[in-house]
């Protein structure tokens, strides 16, 4: 196999790997969002069950909201970086 074919195959493999990473990142994001939502639901249930612990429940909600914000920012940065890598790989594939 000549060098050009080898390079094209390597580029295609890189692109496919990046696409798989994108799919994995989306699955992780969905799972994280589901877990955060479950935490909010559980805290709400506890607040109805133990109304007297109002301050602790509000703090728990704020903590989960802070974690959610941090999580969303991290996921967006990861996706942005991966999109850049996918675009670069796609450009290489189109030039060949």
PDB file of N, CA and C in Angstrom:
ATOM      1  N   UNK A   1       0.845  -1.176   0.000  1.00  0.00           N
ATOM      2  CA  UNK A   1       0.000   0.000   0.000  1.00  0.00           C
ATOM      3  C   UNK A   1       0.894   1.244   0.000  1.00  0.00           C
ATOM      4  N   UNK A   2       0.581   2.176  -0.876  1.00  0.00           N
ATOM      5  CA  UNK A   2       1.420   3.368  -0.949  1.00  0.00           C
ATOM      6  C   UNK A   2       1.140   4.319   0.219  1.00  0.00           C
ATOM      7  N   UNK A   3       2.037   5.256   0.377  1.00  0.00           N
ATOM      8  CA  UNK A   3       1.970   6.177   1.524  1.00  0.00           C
ATOM      9  C   UNK A   3       0.684   7.006   1.526  1.00  0.00           C
ATOM     10  N   UNK A   4       0.228   7.419   0.349  1.00  0.00           N
ATOM     11  CA  UNK A   4      -0.974   8.244   0.263  1.00  0.00           C
ATOM     12  C   UNK A   4      -2.195   7.472   0.757  1.00  0.00           C
ATOM     13  N   UNK A   5      -2.298   6.212   0.355  1.00  0.00           N
ATOM     14  CA  UNK A   5      -3.420   5.378   0.802  1.00  0.00           C
ATOM     15  C   UNK A   5      -3.363   5.154   2.307  1.00  0.00           C
ATOM     16  N   UNK A   6      -2.171   4.919   2.813  1.00  0.00           N
ATOM     17  CA  UNK A   6      -2.003   4.719   4.256  1.00  0.00           C
ATOM     18  C   UNK A   6      -2.435   5.969   5.026  1.00  0.00           C
ATOM     19  N   UNK A   7      -2.042   7.112   4.508  1.00  0.00           N
ATOM     20  CA  UNK A   7      -2.396   8.368   5.165  1.00  0.00           C
ATOM     21  C   UNK A   7      -3.905   8.587   5.139  1.00  0.00           C
ATOM     22  N   UNK A   8      -4.537   8.300   4.010  1.00  0.00           N
ATOM     23  CA  UNK A   8      -5.988   8.439   3.898  1.00  0.00           C
ATOM     24  C   UNK A   8      -6.708   7.510   4.868  1.00  0.00           C
ATOM     25  N   UNK A   9      -6.219   6.289   4.979  1.00  0.00           N
ATOM     26  CA  UNK A   9      -6.830   5.334   5.910  1.00  0.00           C
ATOM     27  C   UNK A   9      -6.672   5.811   7.351  1.00  0.00           C
ATOM     28  N   UNK A  10      -5.495   6.336   7.668  1.00  0.00           N
ATOM     29  CA  UNK A  10      -5.248   6.838   9.022  1.00  0.00           C
ATOM     30  C   UNK A  10      -6.163   8.023   9.330  1.00  0.00           C
ATOM     31  N   UNK A  11      -6.349   8.904   8.353  1.00  0.00           N
ATOM     32  CA  UNK A  11      -7.237  10.053   8.548  1.00  0.00           C
ATOM     33  C   UNK A  11      -8.673   9.598   8.757  1.00  0.00           C
ATOM     34  N   UNK A  12      -9.102   8.621   7.975  1.00  0.00           N
ATOM     35  CA  UNK A  12     -10.466   8.110   8.116  1.00  0.00           C
ATOM     36  C   UNK A  12     -10.652   7.457   9.484  1.00  0.00           C
ATOM     37  N   UNK A  13      -9.657   6.690   9.931  1.00  0.00           N
ATOM     38  CA  UNK A  13      -9.737   6.062  11.247  1.00  0.00           C
ATOM     39  C   UNK A  13      -9.807   7.116  12.351  1.00  0.00           C
ATOM     40  N   UNK A  14      -9.026   8.173  12.203  1.00  0.00           N
ATOM     41  CA  UNK A  14      -9.057   9.262  13.181  1.00  0.00           C
ATOM     42  C   UNK A  14     -10.435   9.896  13.221  1.00  0.00           C
ATOM     43  N   UNK A  15     -11.006  10.145  12.053  1.00  0.00           N
ATOM     44  CA  UNK A  15     -12.334  10.757  11.974  1.00  0.00           C
ATOM     45  C   UNK A  15     -13.383   9.851  12.616  1.00  0.00           C
ATOM     46  N   UNK A  16     -13.321   8.559  12.328  1.00  0.00           N
ATOM     47  CA  UNK A  16     -14.275   7.614  12.915  1.00  0.00           C
ATOM     48  C   UNK A  16     -14.123   7.548  14.433  1.00  0.00           C
ATOM     49  N   UNK A  17     -12.886   7.610  14.895  1.00  0.00           N
ATOM     50  CA  UNK A  17     -12.630   7.602  16.337  1.00  0.00           C
ATOM     51  C   UNK A  17     -13.229   8.851  16.989  1.00  0.00           C
ATOM     52  N   UNK A  18     -13.066   9.993  16.340  1.00  0.00           N
ATOM     53  CA  UNK A  18     -13.624  11.235  16.872  1.00  0.00           C
ATOM     54  C   UNK A  18     -15.149  11.192  16.890  1.00  0.00           C
ATOM     55  N   UNK A  19     -15.746  10.612  15.860  1.00  0.00           N
ATOM     56  CA  UNK A  19     -17.205  10.470  15.846  1.00  0.00           C
ATOM     57  C   UNK A  19     -17.678   9.590  16.998  1.00  0.00           C
ATOM     58  N   UNK A  20     -16.927   8.524  17.273  1.00  0.00           N
ATOM     59  CA  UNK A  20     -17.275   7.638  18.388  1.00  0.00           C
ATOM     60  C   UNK A  20     -17.145   8.391  19.716  1.00  0.00           C
ATOM     61  N   UNK A  21     -16.098   9.205  19.846  1.00  0.00           N
ATOM     62  CA  UNK A  21     -15.939  10.018  21.053  1.00  0.00           C
ATOM     63  C   UNK A  21     -17.130  10.953  21.224  1.00  0.00           C
ATOM     64  N   UNK A  22     -17.622  11.514  20.119  1.00  0.00           N
ATOM     65  CA  UNK A  22     -18.776  12.417  20.158  1.00  0.00           C
ATOM     66  C   UNK A  22     -20.008  11.672  20.676  1.00  0.00           C
ATOM     67  N   UNK A  23     -20.224  10.477  20.153  1.00  0.00           N
ATOM     68  CA  UNK A  23     -21.362   9.668  20.600  1.00  0.00           C
ATOM     69  C   UNK A  23     -21.245   9.347  22.091  1.00  0.00           C
ATOM     70  N   UNK A  24     -20.044   8.980  22.521  1.00  0.00           N
ATOM     71  CA  UNK A  24     -19.805   8.667  23.928  1.00  0.00           C
ATOM     72  C   UNK A  24     -20.056   9.891  24.802  1.00  0.00           C
ATOM     73  N   UNK A  25     -19.579  11.039  24.353  1.00  0.00           N
ATOM     74  CA  UNK A  25     -19.783  12.276  25.103  1.00  0.00           C
ATOM     75  C   UNK A  25     -21.270  12.598  25.226  1.00  0.00           C
ATOM     76  N   UNK A  26     -22.023  12.382  24.172  1.00  0.00           N
ATOM     77  CA  UNK A  26     -23.473  12.610  24.226  1.00  0.00           C
ATOM     78  C   UNK A  26     -24.145  11.660  25.212  1.00  0.00           C
ATOM     79  N   UNK A  27     -23.715  10.394  25.236  1.00  0.00           N
ATOM     80  CA  UNK A  27     -24.283   9.433  26.191  1.00  0.00           C
ATOM     81  C   UNK A  27     -23.965   9.849  27.623  1.00  0.00           C
ATOM     82  N   UNK A  28     -22.725  10.286  27.849  1.00  0.00           N
ATOM     83  CA  UNK A  28     -22.322  10.733  29.181  1.00  0.00           C
ATOM     84  C   UNK A  28     -23.142  11.946  29.594  1.00  0.00           C
ATOM     85  N   UNK A  29     -23.352  12.862  28.660  1.00  0.00           N
ATOM     86  CA  UNK A  29     -24.137  14.058  28.964  1.00  0.00           C
ATOM     87  C   UNK A  29     -25.563  13.690  29.356  1.00  0.00           C
ATOM     88  N   UNK A  30     -26.184  12.805  28.597  1.00  0.00           N
ATOM     89  CA  UNK A  30     -27.559  12.396  28.904  1.00  0.00           C
ATOM     90  C   UNK A  30     -27.642  11.732  30.273  1.00  0.00           C
ATOM     91  N   UNK A  31     -26.661  10.869  30.568  1.00  0.00           N
ATOM     92  CA  UNK A  31     -26.658  10.195  31.864  1.00  0.00           C
ATOM     93  C   UNK A  31     -26.466  11.206  32.993  1.00  0.00           C
ATOM     94  N   UNK A  32     -25.553  12.140  32.805  1.00  0.00           N
ATOM     95  CA  UNK A  32     -25.325  13.167  33.817  1.00  0.00           C
ATOM     96  C   UNK A  32     -26.558  14.018  34.055  1.00  0.00           C
ATOM     97  N   UNK A  33     -27.215  14.403  32.965  1.00  0.00           N
ATOM     98  CA  UNK A  33     -28.434  15.205  33.099  1.00  0.00           C
ATOM     99  C   UNK A  33     -29.521  14.421  33.830  1.00  0.00           C
ATOM    100  N   UNK A  34     -29.609  13.130  33.539  1.00  0.00           N
ATOM    101  CA  UNK A  34     -30.605  12.290  34.208  1.00  0.00           C
ATOM    102  C   UNK A  34     -30.304  12.186  35.702  1.00  0.00           C
ATOM    103  N   UNK A  35     -29.042  11.983  36.047  1.00  0.00           N
ATOM    104  CA  UNK A  35     -28.659  11.876  37.458  1.00  0.00           C
ATOM    105  C   UNK A  35     -28.922  13.180  38.212  1.00  0.00           C
ATOM    106  N   UNK A  36     -28.642  14.298  37.572  1.00  0.00           N
ATOM    107  CA  UNK A  36     -28.906  15.592  38.201  1.00  0.00           C
ATOM    108  C   UNK A  36     -30.400  15.768  38.431  1.00  0.00           C
ATOM    109  N   UNK A  37     -31.194  15.413  37.429  1.00  0.00           N
ATOM    110  CA  UNK A  37     -32.650  15.528  37.568  1.00  0.00           C
ATOM    111  C   UNK A  37     -33.153  14.619  38.690  1.00  0.00           C
ATOM    112  N   UNK A  38     -32.615  13.400  38.772  1.00  0.00           N
ATOM    113  CA  UNK A  38     -33.013  12.484  39.845  1.00  0.00           C
ATOM    114  C   UNK A  38     -32.672  13.069  41.213  1.00  0.00           C
ATOM    115  N   UNK A  39     -31.521  13.732  41.313  1.00  0.00           N
ATOM    116  CA  UNK A  39     -31.132  14.348  42.586  1.00  0.00           C
ATOM    117  C   UNK A  39     -32.124  15.440  42.971  1.00  0.00           C
ATOM    118  N   UNK A  40     -32.517  16.259  41.997  1.00  0.00           N
ATOM    119  CA  UNK A  40     -33.510  17.303  42.281  1.00  0.00           C
ATOM    120  C   UNK A  40     -34.827  16.688  42.756  1.00  0.00           C
ATOM    121  N   UNK A  41     -35.255  15.615  42.113  1.00  0.00           N
ATOM    122  CA  UNK A  41     -36.515  14.955  42.487  1.00  0.00           C
ATOM    123  C   UNK A  41     -36.420  14.392  43.904  1.00  0.00           C
ATOM    124  N   UNK A  42     -35.298  13.750  44.220  1.00  0.00           N
ATOM    125  CA  UNK A  42     -35.131  13.178  45.560  1.00  0.00           C
ATOM    126  C   UNK A  42     -35.115  14.268  46.627  1.00  0.00           C
ATOM    127  N   UNK A  43     -34.444  15.360  46.331  1.00  0.00           N
ATOM    128  CA  UNK A  43     -34.412  16.466  47.296  1.00  0.00           C
ATOM    129  C   UNK A  43     -35.811  17.039  47.484  1.00  0.00           C
ATOM    130  N   UNK A  44     -36.551  17.170  46.399  1.00  0.00           N
ATOM    131  CA  UNK A  44     -37.929  17.675  46.493  1.00  0.00           C
ATOM    132  C   UNK A  44     -38.782  16.737  47.350  1.00  0.00           C
ATOM    133  N   UNK A  45     -38.616  15.436  47.135  1.00  0.00           N
ATOM    134  CA  UNK A  45     -39.364  14.449  47.919  1.00  0.00           C
ATOM    135  C   UNK A  45     -39.014  14.568  49.399  1.00  0.00           C
ATOM    136  N   UNK A  46     -37.732  14.724  49.689  1.00  0.00           N
ATOM    137  CA  UNK A  46     -37.305  14.895  51.086  1.00  0.00           C
ATOM    138  C   UNK A  46     -37.875  16.175  51.686  1.00  0.00           C
ATOM    139  N   UNK A  47     -37.939  17.218  50.880  1.00  0.00           N
ATOM    140  CA  UNK A  47     -38.467  18.485  51.402  1.00  0.00           C
ATOM    141  C   UNK A  47     -39.939  18.355  51.769  1.00  0.00           C
ATOM    142  N   UNK A  48     -40.665  17.547  51.022  1.00  0.00           N
ATOM    143  CA  UNK A  48     -42.071  17.337  51.354  1.00  0.00           C
ATOM    144  C   UNK A  48     -42.222  16.435  52.573  1.00  0.00           C
ATOM    145  N   UNK A  49     -41.290  15.502  52.694  1.00  0.00           N
ATOM    146  CA  UNK A  49     -41.349  14.556  53.810  1.00  0.00           C
ATOM    147  C   UNK A  49     -40.891  15.196  55.120  1.00  0.00           C
ATOM    148  N   UNK A  50     -39.837  16.007  55.048  1.00  0.00           N
ATOM    149  CA  UNK A  50     -39.254  16.623  56.243  1.00  0.00           C
ATOM    150  C   UNK A  50     -39.243  18.142  56.081  1.00  0.00           C
ATOM    151  N   UNK A  51     -40.374  18.734  56.079  1.00  0.00           N
ATOM    152  CA  UNK A  51     -40.510  20.172  55.865  1.00  0.00           C
ATOM    153  C   UNK A  51     -39.734  21.030  56.841  1.00  0.00           C
ATOM    154  N   UNK A  52     -39.477  20.516  58.048  1.00  0.00           N
ATOM    155  CA  UNK A  52     -38.803  21.333  59.055  1.00  0.00           C
ATOM    156  C   UNK A  52     -37.319  21.555  58.742  1.00  0.00           C
ATOM    157  N   UNK A  53     -36.764  20.759  57.882  1.00  0.00           N
ATOM    158  CA  UNK A  53     -35.346  20.900  57.522  1.00  0.00           C
ATOM    159  C   UNK A  53     -35.203  21.785  56.281  1.00  0.00           C
ATOM    160  N   UNK A  54     -36.011  22.804  56.216  1.00  0.00           N
ATOM    161  CA  UNK A  54     -36.119  23.665  55.044  1.00  0.00           C
ATOM    162  C   UNK A  54     -34.769  24.247  54.597  1.00  0.00           C
ATOM    163  N   UNK A  55     -33.994  24.764  55.525  1.00  0.00           N
ATOM    164  CA  UNK A  55     -32.711  25.394  55.188  1.00  0.00           C
ATOM    165  C   UNK A  55     -31.735  24.384  54.581  1.00  0.00           C
ATOM    166  N   UNK A  56     -31.672  23.204  55.153  1.00  0.00           N
ATOM    167  CA  UNK A  56     -30.782  22.163  54.622  1.00  0.00           C
ATOM    168  C   UNK A  56     -31.212  21.746  53.219  1.00  0.00           C
ATOM    169  N   UNK A  57     -32.503  21.695  52.993  1.00  0.00           N
ATOM    170  CA  UNK A  57     -33.017  21.301  51.680  1.00  0.00           C
ATOM    171  C   UNK A  57     -32.696  22.372  50.643  1.00  0.00           C
ATOM    172  N   UNK A  58     -32.851  23.635  51.006  1.00  0.00           N
ATOM    173  CA  UNK A  58     -32.489  24.720  50.090  1.00  0.00           C
ATOM    174  C   UNK A  58     -31.004  24.672  49.744  1.00  0.00           C
ATOM    175  N   UNK A  59     -30.191  24.381  50.755  1.00  0.00           N
ATOM    176  CA  UNK A  59     -28.750  24.273  50.522  1.00  0.00           C
ATOM    177  C   UNK A  59     -28.454  23.109  49.577  1.00  0.00           C
ATOM    178  N   UNK A  60     -29.135  21.994  49.764  1.00  0.00           N
ATOM    179  CA  UNK A  60     -28.940  20.843  48.877  1.00  0.00           C
ATOM    180  C   UNK A  60     -29.335  21.197  47.444  1.00  0.00           C
ATOM    181  N   UNK A  61     -30.445  21.894  47.273  1.00  0.00           N
ATOM    182  CA  UNK A  61     -30.863  22.333  45.933  1.00  0.00           C
ATOM    183  C   UNK A  61     -29.811  23.246  45.303  1.00  0.00           C
ATOM    184  N   UNK A  62     -29.284  24.172  46.082  1.00  0.00           N
ATOM    185  CA  UNK A  62     -28.257  25.088  45.559  1.00  0.00           C
ATOM    186  C   UNK A  62     -26.999  24.324  45.171  1.00  0.00           C
ATOM    187  N   UNK A  63     -26.624  23.358  46.002  1.00  0.00           N
ATOM    188  CA  UNK A  63     -25.437  22.561  45.706  1.00  0.00           C
ATOM    189  C   UNK A  63     -25.617  21.794  44.402  1.00  0.00           C
ATOM    190  N   UNK A  64     -26.767  21.164  44.231  1.00  0.00           N
ATOM    191  CA  UNK A  64     -27.041  20.426  42.994  1.00  0.00           C
ATOM    192  C   UNK A  64     -27.070  21.385  41.806  1.00  0.00           C
ATOM    193  N   UNK A  65     -27.663  22.553  41.976  1.00  0.00           N
ATOM    194  CA  UNK A  65     -27.707  23.542  40.892  1.00  0.00           C
ATOM    195  C   UNK A  65     -26.297  23.995  40.517  1.00  0.00           C
ATOM    196  N   UNK A  66     -25.435  24.195  41.518  1.00  0.00           N
ATOM    197  CA  UNK A  66     -24.044  24.570  41.247  1.00  0.00           C
ATOM    198  C   UNK A  66     -23.316  23.458  40.507  1.00  0.00           C
ATOM    199  N   UNK A  67     -23.527  22.220  40.951  1.00  0.00           N
ATOM    200  CA  UNK A  67     -22.913  21.076  40.269  1.00  0.00           C
ATOM    201  C   UNK A  67     -23.404  20.975  38.829  1.00  0.00           C
ATOM    202  N   UNK A  68     -24.685  21.201  38.647  1.00  0.00           N
ATOM    203  CA  UNK A  68     -25.267  21.143  37.307  1.00  0.00           C
ATOM    204  C   UNK A  68     -24.647  22.207  36.399  1.00  0.00           C
ATOM    205  N   UNK A  69     -24.505  23.414  36.913  1.00  0.00           N
ATOM    206  CA  UNK A  69     -23.906  24.490  36.118  1.00  0.00           C
ATOM    207  C   UNK A  69     -22.468  24.146  35.735  1.00  0.00           C
ATOM    208  N   UNK A  70     -21.718  23.650  36.692  1.00  0.00           N
ATOM    209  CA  UNK A  70     -20.335  23.253  36.439  1.00  0.00           C
ATOM    210  C   UNK A  70     -20.275  22.121  35.418  1.00  0.00           C
ATOM    211  N   UNK A  71     -21.161  21.159  35.573  1.00  0.00           N
ATOM    212  CA  UNK A  71     -21.226  20.012  34.666  1.00  0.00           C
ATOM    213  C   UNK A  71     -21.547  20.463  33.240  1.00  0.00           C
ATOM    214  N   UNK A  72     -22.527  21.338  33.107  1.00  0.00           N
ATOM    215  CA  UNK A  72     -22.927  21.820  31.780  1.00  0.00           C
ATOM    216  C   UNK A  72     -21.771  22.572  31.120  1.00  0.00           C
ATOM    217  N   UNK A  73     -21.089  23.420  31.884  1.00  0.00           N
ATOM    218  CA  UNK A  73     -19.946  24.151  31.330  1.00  0.00           C
ATOM    219  C   UNK A  73     -18.858  23.193  30.860  1.00  0.00           C
ATOM    220  N   UNK A  74     -18.558  22.196  31.674  1.00  0.00           N
ATOM    221  CA  UNK A  74     -17.523  21.217  31.324  1.00  0.00           C
ATOM    222  C   UNK A  74     -17.916  20.448  30.063  1.00  0.00           C
ATOM    223  N   UNK A  75     -19.171  20.025  29.985  1.00  0.00           N
ATOM    224  CA  UNK A  75     -19.634  19.285  28.808  1.00  0.00           C
ATOM    225  C   UNK A  75     -19.559  20.159  27.557  1.00  0.00           C
ATOM    226  N   UNK A  76     -19.929  21.415  27.677  1.00  0.00           N
ATOM    227  CA  UNK A  76     -19.886  22.314  26.522  1.00  0.00           C
ATOM    228  C   UNK A  76     -18.450  22.518  26.046  1.00  0.00           C
ATOM    229  N   UNK A  77     -17.517  22.668  26.978  1.00  0.00           N
ATOM    230  CA  UNK A  77     -16.112  22.814  26.597  1.00  0.00           C
ATOM    231  C   UNK A  77     -15.597  21.557  25.905  1.00  0.00           C
ATOM    232  N   UNK A  78     -15.947  20.389  26.458  1.00  0.00           N
ATOM    233  CA  UNK A  78     -15.521  19.124  25.855  1.00  0.00           C
ATOM    234  C   UNK A  78     -16.085  18.984  24.443  1.00  0.00           C
ATOM    235  N   UNK A  79     -17.364  19.299  24.284  1.00  0.00           N
ATOM    236  CA  UNK A  79     -17.999  19.190  22.969  1.00  0.00           C
ATOM    237  C   UNK A  79     -17.392  20.183  21.979  1.00  0.00           C
ATOM    238  N   UNK A  80     -17.119  21.391  22.442  1.00  0.00           N
ATOM    239  CA  UNK A  80     -16.526  22.408  21.577  1.00  0.00           C
ATOM    240  C   UNK A  80     -15.158  21.946  21.074  1.00  0.00           C
ATOM    241  N   UNK A  81     -14.348  21.416  21.975  1.00  0.00           N
ATOM    242  CA  UNK A  81     -13.021  20.916  21.604  1.00  0.00           C
ATOM    243  C   UNK A  81     -13.133  19.751  20.623  1.00  0.00           C
ATOM    244  N   UNK A  82     -14.042  18.846  20.903  1.00  0.00           N
ATOM    245  CA  UNK A  82     -14.219  17.691  20.026  1.00  0.00           C
ATOM    246  C   UNK A  82     -14.728  18.124  18.653  1.00  0.00           C
ATOM    247  N   UNK A  83     -15.615  19.097  18.608  1.00  0.00           N
ATOM    248  CA  UNK A  83     -16.098  19.612  17.319  1.00  0.00           C
ATOM    249  C   UNK A  83     -14.957  20.210  16.504  1.00  0.00           C
ATOM    250  N   UNK A  84     -14.060  20.935  17.163  1.00  0.00           N
ATOM    251  CA  UNK A  84     -12.888  21.481  16.465  1.00  0.00           C
ATOM    252  C   UNK A  84     -12.067  20.357  15.852  1.00  0.00           C
ATOM    253  N   UNK A  85     -11.833  19.313  16.641  1.00  0.00           N
ATOM    254  CA  UNK A  85     -11.045  18.181  16.145  1.00  0.00           C
ATOM    255  C   UNK A  85     -11.752  17.481  14.993  1.00  0.00           C
ATOM    256  N   UNK A  86     -13.085  17.350  15.085  1.00  0.00           N
ATOM    257  CA  UNK A  86     -13.854  16.742  13.997  1.00  0.00           C
ATOM    258  C   UNK A  86     -13.778  17.587  12.732  1.00  0.00           C
ATOM    259  N   UNK A  87     -13.875  18.901  12.863  1.00  0.00           N
ATOM    260  CA  UNK A  87     -13.794  19.791  11.707  1.00  0.00           C
ATOM    261  C   UNK A  87     -12.435  19.689  11.034  1.00  0.00           C
ATOM    262  N   UNK A  88     -11.382  19.644  11.830  1.00  0.00           N
ATOM    263  CA  UNK A  88     -10.034  19.514  11.273  1.00  0.00           C
ATOM    264  C   UNK A  88      -9.903  18.193  10.530  1.00  0.00           C
ATOM    265  N   UNK A  89     -10.372  17.114  11.137  1.00  0.00           N
ATOM    266  CA  UNK A  89     -10.299  15.799  10.488  1.00  0.00           C
ATOM    267  C   UNK A  89     -11.117  15.794   9.200  1.00  0.00           C
ATOM    268  N   UNK A  90     -12.273  16.428   9.225  1.00  0.00           N
ATOM    269  CA  UNK A  90     -13.125  16.490   8.036  1.00  0.00           C
ATOM    270  C   UNK A  90     -12.446  17.286   6.927  1.00  0.00           C
ATOM    271  N   UNK A  91     -11.783  18.381   7.282  1.00  0.00           N
ATOM    272  CA  UNK A  91     -11.064  19.182   6.289  1.00  0.00           C
ATOM    273  C   UNK A  91      -9.959  18.366   5.638  1.00  0.00           C
ATOM    274  N   UNK A  92      -9.231  17.584   6.433  1.00  0.00           N
ATOM    275  CA  UNK A  92      -8.187  16.732   5.880  1.00  0.00           C
ATOM    276  C   UNK A  92      -8.781  15.708   4.923  1.00  0.00           C
ATOM    277  N   UNK A  93      -9.916  15.132   5.302  1.00  0.00           N
ATOM    278  CA  UNK A  93     -10.558  14.137   4.440  1.00  0.00           C
ATOM    279  C   UNK A  93     -11.031  14.754   3.129  1.00  0.00           C
ATOM    280  N   UNK A  94     -11.483  16.002   3.160  1.00  0.00           N
ATOM    281  CA  UNK A  94     -11.982  16.646   1.950  1.00  0.00           C
ATOM    282  C   UNK A  94     -10.864  17.080   1.016  1.00  0.00           C
ATOM    283  N   UNK A  95      -9.682  17.357   1.558  1.00  0.00           N
ATOM    284  CA  UNK A  95      -8.576  17.806   0.714  1.00  0.00           C
ATOM    285  C   UNK A  95      -7.929  16.653  -0.030  1.00  0.00           C
ATOM    286  N   UNK A  96      -8.211  15.463   0.391  1.00  0.00           N
ATOM    287  CA  UNK A  96      -7.594  14.294  -0.262  1.00  0.00           C
ATOM    288  C   UNK A  96      -8.452  13.752  -1.365  1.00  0.00           C
TER     289      UNK A  96
END
